[in-house]
């Protein structure tokens, strides 16, 4: 049985209540910050908006591989590690 990849989105130093997140144009609740969530393998687009700042990151998730996306104050994009 295939294992779904896990995605963790971090936003250190940012107010999660003010952060608007979407994954493939589906809204995510800020409660997912810092928690590994299962995501289907393949290409995805993660977007975040904070006030007038907008961030976008294209992700390629592979079966059973965890990925972490971090958004921090002063950064101009989402960073996937």
Protein backbone atom coordinates (compact mmCIF):
# COMPACT_ATOMS: atom_id res chain seq x y z
CA UNK A 1 0.00 0.00 0.00
CA UNK A 2 1.49 3.41 -0.97
CA UNK A 3 2.35 5.85 1.80
CA UNK A 4 1.21 9.44 1.39
CA UNK A 5 3.84 12.14 1.68
CA UNK A 6 3.60 14.39 4.74
CA UNK A 7 3.79 18.18 4.39
CA UNK A 8 4.58 20.45 7.34
CA UNK A 9 4.08 24.20 6.95
CA UNK A 10 5.89 26.45 9.42
CA UNK A 11 5.45 30.21 9.89
CA UNK A 12 7.92 31.22 12.61
CA UNK A 13 7.40 34.74 13.92
CA UNK A 14 4.18 35.26 11.94
CA UNK A 15 0.66 35.58 13.30
CA UNK A 16 -1.09 32.45 12.05
CA UNK A 17 -4.46 34.11 12.59
CA UNK A 18 -3.55 36.72 9.95
CA UNK A 19 -2.00 34.24 7.51
CA UNK A 20 -4.19 32.92 4.68
CA UNK A 21 -3.02 29.59 3.26
CA UNK A 22 -4.13 27.58 0.25
CA UNK A 23 -2.90 24.33 -1.21
CA UNK A 24 -4.00 23.84 -4.82
CA UNK A 25 -6.54 26.68 -4.33
CA UNK A 26 -8.14 24.92 -1.34
CA UNK A 27 -8.10 27.00 1.85
CA UNK A 28 -6.13 25.60 4.79
CA UNK A 29 -6.88 26.49 8.39
CA UNK A 30 -3.99 28.06 10.30
CA UNK A 31 -4.34 25.14 12.73
CA UNK A 32 -2.28 23.05 10.26
CA UNK A 33 0.83 25.15 10.95
CA UNK A 34 3.56 22.98 12.42
CA UNK A 35 1.59 19.76 11.93
CA UNK A 36 2.39 17.09 9.36
CA UNK A 37 -0.56 16.68 7.01
CA UNK A 38 -0.95 13.89 4.44
CA UNK A 39 -0.99 15.10 0.84
CA UNK A 40 -1.31 13.12 -2.36
CA UNK A 41 1.95 12.65 -4.27
CA UNK A 42 2.56 14.89 -7.27
CA UNK A 43 2.69 18.58 -8.12
CA UNK A 44 1.08 21.11 -5.80
CA UNK A 45 1.01 24.89 -5.33
CA UNK A 46 1.18 26.32 -1.82
CA UNK A 47 0.15 29.97 -1.46
CA UNK A 48 0.20 32.25 1.56
CA UNK A 49 -1.02 35.81 1.99
CA UNK A 50 -0.17 38.05 4.91
CA UNK A 51 -1.55 41.56 4.56
CA UNK A 52 -0.25 42.83 1.23
CA UNK A 53 2.50 40.20 0.97
CA UNK A 54 1.84 37.13 -1.16
CA UNK A 55 4.01 34.03 -1.31
CA UNK A 56 3.82 31.05 -3.64
CA UNK A 57 5.79 27.80 -3.78
CA UNK A 58 5.46 24.95 -6.24
CA UNK A 59 5.99 21.59 -4.60
CA UNK A 60 6.67 18.14 -5.99
CA UNK A 61 5.75 15.59 -3.34
CA UNK A 62 6.94 12.02 -3.68
CA UNK A 63 5.46 8.95 -2.09
CA UNK A 64 6.46 8.50 1.56
CA UNK A 65 8.79 11.55 1.54
CA UNK A 66 8.15 14.23 4.17
CA UNK A 67 8.60 17.88 3.14
CA UNK A 68 8.65 21.05 5.17
CA UNK A 69 7.66 24.51 3.92
CA UNK A 70 8.80 27.48 6.04
CA UNK A 71 7.59 31.05 5.81
CA UNK A 72 9.38 33.56 8.02
CA UNK A 73 9.31 37.29 8.55
CA UNK A 74 11.45 39.11 6.01
CA UNK A 75 11.43 36.27 3.50
CA UNK A 76 9.96 36.99 0.09
CA UNK A 77 8.93 33.43 -0.70
CA UNK A 78 8.04 30.14 0.86
CA UNK A 79 11.09 27.94 1.34
CA UNK A 80 10.81 24.18 1.07
CA UNK A 81 13.43 22.13 2.87
